[in-house]
Amino acid sequence: MIWLGIALLIAAAIAGAPLFAVLMGAALLGFLSADIPLTVVAIEVYRIVDTPLLVTLPLFTFAGYVLAEAGTSRRLVNLVQSVFGALPSGLALVGFVACAIFTALTGASGVTIVALGALLLPALTSAGYSERFSLGLVTTSGSLGLLLVPSVPLILYGIVAQQMDVGEPFTISELFLAGVLPLLLMLTALIIYTLWHHRGGTVPRVPYSRRKLADAIRDARWELPLPLVVLGGIYSGWFAISEAAAITAVYVTIVEVMLYREIRWSALPKIMVDSMVMVGGILLILGVALAFTNFLVDAEVPQMLFDFMQAHVESALGFLLLLNLMLLVLGAMLDIFSALVIVVPLILPVAAGYGIHPVHLGIIFLANMQIGYFTPPVGMNLFISSYRFNRPLLDIYAACIPFMIVLLVALLLITYVPWFSMALIR
């Protein structure tokens, strides 16, 4: 019966069954084969629902959906351009920074390409940047903000890792701090590449205008305090992460609905439903994935994996190299939420055995996922960009490869120099 169930489960997965159903089936078959009562699956699902930090996910996700529906993208681009536009290759810098911030706020890489692409791509090409460079910039920058607070994947990694209770303990606030320097490293690498790429050329700058800067600040006056409220409140100790999420959701709703009036009250129920459908899917996958992980732990699969790695990989550096290669492949094949709940519980105990801090592992994981989004041939952002800008997929591949190489160099530094991840929390 067990083997029949495995065959049916594989057939269902090949036929396109939902991920949560496949994981649930695998967990049930595993516990059934070990003569463990199946009620343990329901207990695991309830255990994740009872996690105090879980309330941050729906609140931050709802705030991100509201910002994506409003005119935040236009105001953000105008503000960043008025500050950095006069610098060499300033408009490219605008694209990098604006995409990183918008992705962090919305928690979705594809949304950034769709929302900011219509603004950035025409602006870049009309300013003298080649179409290939502009396409590569917009496609690859769409995932930069995954390491920046209040990124939903960053919070989700913290929840999953804390459920495992492996390695040194850490807080979500420390995870937020750990992502700052790696993100700045990636942005710096991209800016250096942009300056080198246009060396000797005459890419026009956007002249600095005090009036334009004042207008941009006035337009974004209600959204500018948001990062200060979230970060300042958390790190000053005024409120916890969950309270920061609630304040963010309320503040964003008041700003976009009552002050800017870009979203009608009647549109809020649909935004709530759309955002909570996404959160519900994440929680369902997370609950059954933890149940499946519990079976793997009972079956000592992580220990066997660690023993295998120790027999073939002697150092932590070798383990990290193999980990990067595996995560790049997974990042191109799985969405980030599925990768988090499936892969993290498996690699966390192994990484702890090599003495790798879970915060450092989380930054490595998310940095890989950022690059995996546009890794050929099946990175999700490649298809979104091809559809959004009506360009052949091969053109998108060619445009992204130089940016991918630059970010891979930054990834190696993040991986093998833990200082980038750990400096601010130590």
Protein backbone atom coordinates (compact mmCIF):
# COMPACT_ATOMS: atom_id res chain seq x y z
CA MET A 1 0.00 0.00 0.00
CA ILE A 2 2.88 2.39 0.80
CA TRP A 3 4.54 1.82 -2.56
CA LEU A 4 1.19 2.26 -4.32
CA GLY A 5 0.73 5.54 -2.47
CA ILE A 6 4.22 6.70 -3.50
CA ALA A 7 3.48 5.87 -7.14
CA LEU A 8 0.19 7.76 -7.01
CA LEU A 9 1.90 10.72 -5.34
CA ILE A 10 4.59 10.89 -8.04
CA ALA A 11 1.93 10.68 -10.74
CA ALA A 12 -0.06 13.48 -9.09
CA ALA A 13 3.05 15.68 -8.88
CA ILE A 14 3.87 15.10 -12.56
CA ALA A 15 0.24 15.88 -13.45
CA GLY A 16 0.53 19.26 -11.72
CA ALA A 17 -1.04 18.66 -8.31
CA PRO A 18 -0.70 21.61 -5.89
CA LEU A 19 2.52 21.66 -3.89
CA PHE A 20 0.76 21.53 -0.51
CA ALA A 21 -1.15 18.39 -1.58
CA VAL A 22 2.07 16.63 -2.65
CA LEU A 23 3.81 17.56 0.61
CA MET A 24 0.79 16.52 2.66
CA GLY A 25 0.65 13.17 0.88
CA ALA A 26 4.37 12.61 1.41
CA ALA A 27 4.04 13.43 5.14
CA LEU A 28 1.05 11.10 5.55
CA LEU A 29 2.81 8.25 3.75
CA GLY A 30 5.95 8.78 5.81
CA PHE A 31 4.16 8.70 9.17
CA LEU A 32 2.01 5.78 8.02
CA SER A 33 5.09 3.74 7.12
CA ALA A 34 6.59 4.50 10.56
CA ASP A 35 3.36 3.52 12.39
CA ILE A 36 3.01 7.03 13.81
CA PRO A 37 -0.55 8.34 14.32
CA LEU A 38 -1.54 10.66 11.47
CA THR A 39 -2.88 13.21 13.93
CA VAL A 40 0.69 14.49 14.17
CA VAL A 41 0.15 16.23 10.81
CA ALA A 42 -2.72 18.29 12.19
CA ILE A 43 -0.60 19.10 15.26
CA GLU A 44 2.20 20.42 13.04
CA VAL A 45 -0.21 22.58 11.03
CA TYR A 46 -1.59 24.06 14.25
CA ARG A 47 1.93 24.61 15.62
CA ILE A 48 2.82 26.98 12.79
CA VAL A 49 -0.46 28.85 13.19
CA ASP A 50 0.34 29.33 16.88
CA THR A 51 3.67 31.07 16.11
CA PRO A 52 3.54 34.64 17.52
CA LEU A 53 5.62 36.14 14.69
CA LEU A 54 3.28 34.74 12.05
CA VAL A 55 0.98 37.76 12.38
CA THR A 56 3.62 39.87 10.62
CA LEU A 57 3.18 37.99 7.32
CA PRO A 58 -0.44 38.98 6.51
CA LEU A 59 0.04 42.55 7.76
CA PHE A 60 3.20 43.29 5.77
CA THR A 61 1.77 41.49 2.73
CA PHE A 62 -1.42 43.56 2.84
CA ALA A 63 0.62 46.78 3.14
CA GLY A 64 2.68 45.73 0.13
CA TYR A 65 -0.41 45.06 -1.99
CA VAL A 66 -1.82 48.48 -1.10
CA LEU A 67 1.44 50.20 -2.09
CA ALA A 68 1.55 48.26 -5.36
CA GLU A 69 -1.98 49.37 -6.25
CA ALA A 70 -1.28 53.05 -5.47
CA GLY A 71 1.05 55.50 -7.21
CA THR A 72 3.95 54.72 -4.91
CA SER A 73 6.14 53.45 -7.76
CA ARG A 74 5.91 56.77 -9.66
CA ARG A 75 6.64 58.87 -6.58
CA LEU A 76 9.53 56.62 -5.60
CA VAL A 77 11.18 56.89 -9.02
CA ASN A 78 10.75 60.67 -9.10
CA LEU A 79 12.25 61.05 -5.63
CA VAL A 80 15.27 58.81 -6.25
CA GLN A 81 15.88 60.43 -9.65
CA SER A 82 15.82 63.94 -8.18
CA VAL A 83 18.49 62.85 -5.65
CA PHE A 84 20.79 60.66 -7.77
CA GLY A 85 19.95 61.65 -11.34
CA ALA A 86 22.80 64.16 -11.66
CA LEU A 87 25.46 61.54 -10.81
CA PRO A 88 27.35 59.62 -13.54
CA SER A 89 24.95 56.99 -14.86
CA GLY A 90 22.54 58.45 -12.34
CA LEU A 91 19.39 57.13 -14.00
CA ALA A 92 20.73 53.56 -13.79
CA LEU A 93 21.40 54.15 -10.10
CA VAL A 94 17.81 55.35 -9.81
CA GLY A 95 16.65 52.04 -11.27
CA PHE A 96 18.71 49.91 -8.88
CA VAL A 97 17.69 51.80 -5.75
CA ALA A 98 14.02 52.25 -6.66
CA CYS A 99 13.58 48.57 -7.56
CA ALA A 100 15.28 47.42 -4.34
CA ILE A 101 13.09 49.61 -2.14
CA PHE A 102 9.88 48.77 -4.00
CA THR A 103 10.57 45.02 -3.85
CA ALA A 104 11.23 45.25 -0.12
CA LEU A 105 7.96 47.11 0.44
CA THR A 106 5.80 44.87 -1.75
CA GLY A 107 7.61 41.58 -1.09
CA ALA A 108 7.18 40.48 -4.72
CA SER A 109 9.84 40.61 -7.41
CA GLY A 110 7.46 40.24 -10.35
CA VAL A 111 5.32 43.13 -9.12
CA THR A 112 8.37 45.41 -9.27
CA ILE A 113 9.04 44.58 -12.92
CA VAL A 114 5.42 45.20 -13.84
CA ALA A 115 4.98 48.36 -11.76
CA LEU A 116 8.33 50.09 -12.31
CA GLY A 117 9.18 48.66 -15.71
CA ALA A 118 6.72 50.93 -17.50
CA LEU A 119 8.45 53.93 -15.89
CA LEU A 120 12.10 52.90 -15.98
CA LEU A 121 12.54 51.20 -19.36
CA PRO A 122 11.36 54.15 -21.52
CA ALA A 123 13.28 56.58 -19.30
CA LEU A 124 16.51 54.60 -19.60
CA THR A 125 16.33 54.15 -23.37
CA SER A 126 15.38 57.79 -24.01
CA ALA A 127 18.33 58.89 -21.82
CA GLY A 128 20.79 57.09 -24.08
CA TYR A 129 21.16 53.67 -22.46
CA SER A 130 21.05 50.73 -24.86
CA GLU A 131 17.89 48.65 -24.91
CA ARG A 132 19.81 45.51 -23.91
CA PHE A 133 21.36 47.23 -20.88
CA SER A 134 17.99 48.72 -19.88
CA LEU A 135 16.20 45.37 -20.17
CA GLY A 136 18.88 43.66 -18.10
CA LEU A 137 18.74 46.35 -15.42
CA VAL A 138 14.97 46.24 -14.99
CA THR A 139 14.79 42.42 -15.07
CA THR A 140 17.61 41.76 -12.60
CA SER A 141 16.86 44.65 -10.22
CA GLY A 142 13.34 43.36 -9.65
CA SER A 143 14.54 40.97 -6.94
CA LEU A 144 17.17 43.12 -5.20
CA GLY A 145 15.01 44.08 -2.23
CA LEU A 146 14.54 40.57 -0.83
CA LEU A 147 17.25 41.30 1.75
CA LEU A 148 15.77 44.61 2.88
CA VAL A 149 13.27 45.07 5.70
CA PRO A 150 10.30 44.41 5.67
CA SER A 151 10.77 41.74 2.99
CA VAL A 152 8.25 38.93 3.49
CA PRO A 153 10.71 36.16 2.43
CA LEU A 154 13.17 37.45 5.04
CA ILE A 155 10.50 37.17 7.74
CA LEU A 156 9.42 33.73 6.50
CA TYR A 157 13.00 32.41 6.68
CA GLY A 158 13.20 33.60 10.27
CA ILE A 159 9.96 31.83 11.17
CA VAL A 160 11.02 28.55 9.53
CA ALA A 161 14.51 28.64 11.05
CA GLN A 162 13.21 29.40 14.54
CA GLN A 163 10.79 26.47 14.28
CA MET A 164 13.77 24.19 13.65
CA ASP A 165 15.58 25.41 16.80
CA VAL A 166 18.97 24.49 15.32
CA GLY A 167 22.22 26.41 15.78
CA GLU A 168 22.65 29.69 17.61
CA PRO A 169 19.41 31.53 18.50
CA PHE A 170 18.60 34.79 16.73
CA THR A 171 15.80 37.32 16.37
CA ILE A 172 14.00 38.64 13.31
CA SER A 173 15.44 42.08 14.06
CA GLU A 174 18.95 40.65 13.76
CA LEU A 175 17.97 39.09 10.44
CA PHE A 176 16.78 42.50 9.22
CA LEU A 177 20.12 44.07 10.19
CA ALA A 178 22.08 41.24 8.59
CA GLY A 179 20.61 41.96 5.14
CA VAL A 180 21.73 45.60 4.99
CA LEU A 181 25.43 45.24 4.14
CA PRO A 182 24.96 42.38 1.63
CA LEU A 183 22.34 44.47 -0.20
CA LEU A 184 24.66 47.49 -0.24
CA LEU A 185 27.44 45.24 -1.58
CA MET A 186 25.21 44.06 -4.43
CA LEU A 187 24.12 47.62 -5.25
CA THR A 188 27.74 48.82 -5.19
CA ALA A 189 28.83 46.01 -7.52
CA LEU A 190 26.05 46.83 -9.98
CA ILE A 191 26.88 50.55 -9.90
CA ILE A 192 30.60 49.85 -10.51
CA TYR A 193 29.68 47.62 -13.46
CA THR A 194 27.38 50.33 -14.85
CA LEU A 195 30.12 52.97 -14.66
CA TRP A 196 32.63 50.60 -16.27
CA HIS A 197 30.17 49.60 -19.00
CA HIS A 198 29.63 53.23 -19.99
CA ARG A 199 33.26 54.30 -19.60
CA GLY A 200 34.26 56.81 -22.26
CA GLY A 201 30.65 57.19 -23.33
CA THR A 202 28.30 60.11 -23.00
CA VAL A 203 25.25 58.87 -21.17
CA PRO A 204 23.30 62.05 -20.33
CA ARG A 205 22.73 62.94 -16.72
CA VAL A 206 19.53 64.36 -15.32
CA PRO A 207 20.39 67.92 -14.24
CA TYR A 208 20.00 68.56 -10.54
CA SER A 209 17.08 70.81 -9.71
CA ARG A 210 16.34 71.98 -6.22
CA ARG A 211 12.78 72.69 -7.23
CA LYS A 212 12.34 69.19 -8.68
CA LEU A 213 13.73 67.67 -5.48
CA ALA A 214 11.37 69.77 -3.37
CA ASP A 215 8.42 68.73 -5.55
CA ALA A 216 9.39 65.04 -5.28
CA ILE A 217 9.70 65.28 -1.50
CA ARG A 218 6.35 67.05 -1.27
CA ASP A 219 4.67 64.39 -3.45
CA ALA A 220 6.10 61.55 -1.32
CA ARG A 221 5.78 63.35 2.01
CA TRP A 222 3.34 60.82 3.45
CA GLU A 223 5.31 57.75 2.34
CA LEU A 224 8.79 58.96 3.33
CA PRO A 225 8.24 58.42 7.09
CA LEU A 226 7.29 54.75 6.58
CA PRO A 227 10.83 53.26 6.72
CA LEU A 228 11.66 55.51 9.67
CA VAL A 229 8.55 54.37 11.52
CA VAL A 230 9.23 50.67 10.91
CA LEU A 231 13.00 50.61 11.45
CA GLY A 232 13.12 53.32 14.09
CA GLY A 233 10.32 51.76 16.10
CA ILE A 234 11.86 48.27 16.02
CA TYR A 235 15.46 49.15 16.81
CA SER A 236 14.61 51.82 19.38
CA GLY A 237 12.57 49.24 21.28
CA TRP A 238 9.31 51.18 21.05
CA PHE A 239 7.45 48.21 19.59
CA ALA A 240 7.97 44.61 18.52
CA ILE A 241 8.06 43.24 14.96
CA SER A 242 4.39 42.24 15.07
CA GLU A 243 3.40 45.70 16.32
CA ALA A 244 5.52 47.29 13.58
CA ALA A 245 3.63 45.20 11.01
CA ALA A 246 0.25 46.37 12.38
CA ILE A 247 1.35 50.02 12.42
CA THR A 248 2.65 49.68 8.85
CA ALA A 249 -0.64 48.23 7.59
CA VAL A 250 -2.72 50.93 9.29
CA TYR A 251 -0.39 53.75 8.22
CA VAL A 252 -0.25 52.62 4.57
CA THR A 253 -4.04 52.29 4.44
CA ILE A 254 -4.58 55.79 5.85
CA VAL A 255 -1.99 57.33 3.52
CA GLU A 256 -3.13 55.72 0.27
CA VAL A 257 -6.89 55.79 0.93
CA MET A 258 -7.46 58.96 2.94
CA LEU A 259 -4.52 61.25 2.13
CA TYR A 260 -3.49 60.44 -1.45
CA ARG A 261 -6.97 59.08 -2.26
CA GLU A 262 -5.54 56.82 -4.96
CA ILE A 263 -7.39 53.77 -3.65
CA ARG A 264 -11.11 53.82 -2.97
CA TRP A 265 -12.62 52.36 0.15
CA SER A 266 -14.62 50.05 -2.09
CA ALA A 267 -11.37 48.62 -3.54
CA LEU A 268 -9.94 47.63 -0.16
CA PRO A 269 -11.93 44.38 0.22
CA LYS A 270 -10.54 43.06 -3.08
CA ILE A 271 -6.99 44.02 -2.08
CA MET A 272 -7.50 42.29 1.26
CA VAL A 273 -8.80 39.14 -0.42
CA ASP A 274 -5.96 39.05 -2.97
CA SER A 275 -3.27 39.54 -0.33
CA MET A 276 -4.78 37.02 2.08
CA VAL A 277 -5.15 34.40 -0.65
CA MET A 278 -1.40 34.67 -1.13
CA VAL A 279 -0.76 34.48 2.63
CA GLY A 280 -3.15 31.54 2.97
CA GLY A 281 -1.27 29.65 0.28
CA ILE A 282 2.02 30.33 2.04
CA LEU A 283 0.70 29.20 5.41
CA LEU A 284 -0.86 26.04 3.99
CA ILE A 285 2.39 25.06 2.28
CA LEU A 286 4.37 26.00 5.38
CA GLY A 287 2.20 23.91 7.71
CA VAL A 288 2.33 20.71 5.66
CA ALA A 289 6.01 21.26 4.85
CA LEU A 290 6.81 21.38 8.57
CA ALA A 291 4.84 18.17 9.04
CA PHE A 292 6.88 16.55 6.26
CA THR A 293 10.06 17.95 7.81
CA ASN A 294 9.07 16.41 11.15
CA PHE A 295 8.90 13.02 9.45
CA LEU A 296 12.32 13.58 7.84
CA VAL A 297 13.78 14.46 11.25
CA ASP A 298 12.24 11.32 12.80
CA ALA A 299 13.69 9.31 9.93
CA GLU A 300 17.10 10.97 10.59
CA VAL A 301 17.34 12.21 7.00
CA PRO A 302 19.18 15.46 7.96
CA GLN A 303 21.67 13.41 9.98
CA MET A 304 22.23 11.03 7.06
CA LEU A 305 22.66 14.03 4.75
CA PHE A 306 25.17 15.55 7.15
CA ASP A 307 27.08 12.25 7.42
CA PHE A 308 27.18 12.02 3.62
CA MET A 309 28.44 15.61 3.33
CA GLN A 310 31.10 15.03 5.99
CA ALA A 311 32.29 11.92 4.16
CA HIS A 312 32.66 13.77 0.85
CA VAL A 313 33.07 17.43 1.84
CA GLU A 314 35.69 18.15 4.46
CA SER A 315 35.34 21.90 4.95
CA ALA A 316 32.59 24.44 5.42
CA LEU A 317 33.88 26.27 2.33
CA GLY A 318 33.26 23.22 0.17
CA PHE A 319 29.79 22.82 1.65
CA LEU A 320 28.96 26.47 0.91
CA LEU A 321 30.12 26.09 -2.69
CA LEU A 322 27.85 23.09 -3.23
CA LEU A 323 25.05 24.92 -1.43
CA ASN A 324 25.31 27.92 -3.76
CA LEU A 325 25.18 25.72 -6.85
CA MET A 326 22.14 23.85 -5.52
CA LEU A 327 20.30 27.03 -4.49
CA LEU A 328 20.87 28.72 -7.86
CA VAL A 329 19.24 25.74 -9.59
CA LEU A 330 16.37 25.64 -7.09
CA GLY A 331 15.90 29.40 -7.30
CA ALA A 332 15.34 29.11 -11.02
CA MET A 333 12.86 26.24 -10.64
CA LEU A 334 10.89 26.99 -7.45
CA ASP A 335 9.19 30.13 -6.21
CA ILE A 336 10.92 31.55 -3.18
CA PHE A 337 8.20 30.61 -0.68
CA SER A 338 8.21 26.97 -1.72
CA ALA A 339 12.02 26.88 -1.60
CA LEU A 340 12.02 28.39 1.89
CA VAL A 341 9.64 25.89 3.46
CA ILE A 342 11.02 22.83 1.67
CA VAL A 343 14.79 23.38 1.56
CA VAL A 344 15.59 25.41 4.70
CA PRO A 345 14.58 22.65 7.19
CA LEU A 346 16.87 20.23 5.34
CA ILE A 347 19.99 22.39 5.00
CA LEU A 348 19.81 24.19 8.36
CA PRO A 349 20.92 21.21 10.52
CA VAL A 350 23.67 20.37 8.00
CA ALA A 351 24.92 23.96 7.97
CA ALA A 352 24.88 24.04 11.78
CA GLY A 353 27.10 20.96 11.75
CA TYR A 354 29.68 22.94 9.78
CA GLY A 355 29.44 25.82 12.24
CA ILE A 356 27.56 28.20 9.91
CA HIS A 357 25.39 30.72 11.78
CA PRO A 358 21.69 30.50 10.80
CA VAL A 359 21.59 34.26 10.11
CA HIS A 360 24.52 33.98 7.69
CA LEU A 361 22.85 30.95 6.08
CA GLY A 362 19.63 32.91 5.65
CA ILE A 363 21.39 35.77 3.87
CA ILE A 364 23.18 33.29 1.60
CA PHE A 365 19.88 31.56 0.87
CA LEU A 366 17.99 34.73 -0.04
CA ALA A 367 20.90 36.15 -2.05
CA ASN A 368 20.86 32.96 -4.12
CA MET A 369 17.11 33.19 -4.56
CA GLN A 370 17.50 36.77 -5.82
CA ILE A 371 19.82 35.58 -8.58
CA GLY A 372 17.75 32.46 -9.22
CA TYR A 373 14.81 34.65 -10.21
CA PHE A 374 16.62 35.58 -13.44
CA THR A 375 18.84 32.52 -13.95
CA PRO A 376 18.33 31.07 -17.48
CA PRO A 377 16.54 29.18 -18.76
CA VAL A 378 13.53 29.12 -16.40
CA GLY A 379 13.96 31.99 -13.93
CA MET A 380 10.54 33.49 -13.25
CA ASN A 381 11.55 37.12 -13.82
CA LEU A 382 12.80 36.26 -17.31
CA PHE A 383 9.31 35.23 -18.38
CA ILE A 384 7.63 38.17 -16.63
CA SER A 385 10.00 40.61 -18.33
CA SER A 386 9.56 38.96 -21.73
CA TYR A 387 5.78 39.20 -21.41
CA ARG A 388 5.74 42.71 -19.91
CA PHE A 389 8.03 44.30 -22.50
CA ASN A 390 7.07 42.07 -25.45
CA ARG A 391 10.65 40.98 -26.13
CA PRO A 392 11.93 37.54 -27.20
CA LEU A 393 13.08 35.40 -24.31
CA LEU A 394 16.56 34.97 -25.83
CA ASP A 395 17.00 38.76 -25.82
CA ILE A 396 16.14 38.82 -22.12
CA TYR A 397 18.68 36.06 -21.48
CA ALA A 398 21.44 38.01 -23.23
CA ALA A 399 20.53 41.21 -21.38
CA CYS A 400 20.64 39.58 -17.94
CA ILE A 401 23.87 37.57 -18.18
CA PRO A 402 26.32 40.49 -17.47
CA PHE A 403 24.29 41.57 -14.42
CA MET A 404 24.12 37.95 -13.28
CA ILE A 405 27.92 37.60 -13.42
CA VAL A 406 28.34 40.78 -11.34
CA LEU A 407 25.88 39.57 -8.70
CA LEU A 408 27.52 36.13 -8.59
CA VAL A 409 30.80 37.81 -7.66
CA ALA A 410 28.95 39.68 -4.88
CA LEU A 411 27.35 36.38 -3.81
CA LEU A 412 30.77 34.77 -3.41
CA LEU A 413 31.86 37.62 -1.15
CA ILE A 414 28.67 37.33 0.91
CA THR A 415 29.13 33.56 1.19
CA TYR A 416 32.80 33.40 2.08
CA VAL A 417 33.12 36.63 4.08
CA PRO A 418 30.60 36.26 6.93
CA TRP A 419 31.46 39.79 8.08
CA PHE A 420 28.98 41.22 5.55
CA SER A 421 26.12 39.32 7.21
CA MET A 422 27.24 39.41 10.83
CA ALA A 423 28.98 42.79 11.32
CA LEU A 424 25.92 44.84 12.26
CA ILE A 425 24.52 42.29 14.71
CA ARG A 426 27.85 41.69 16.46
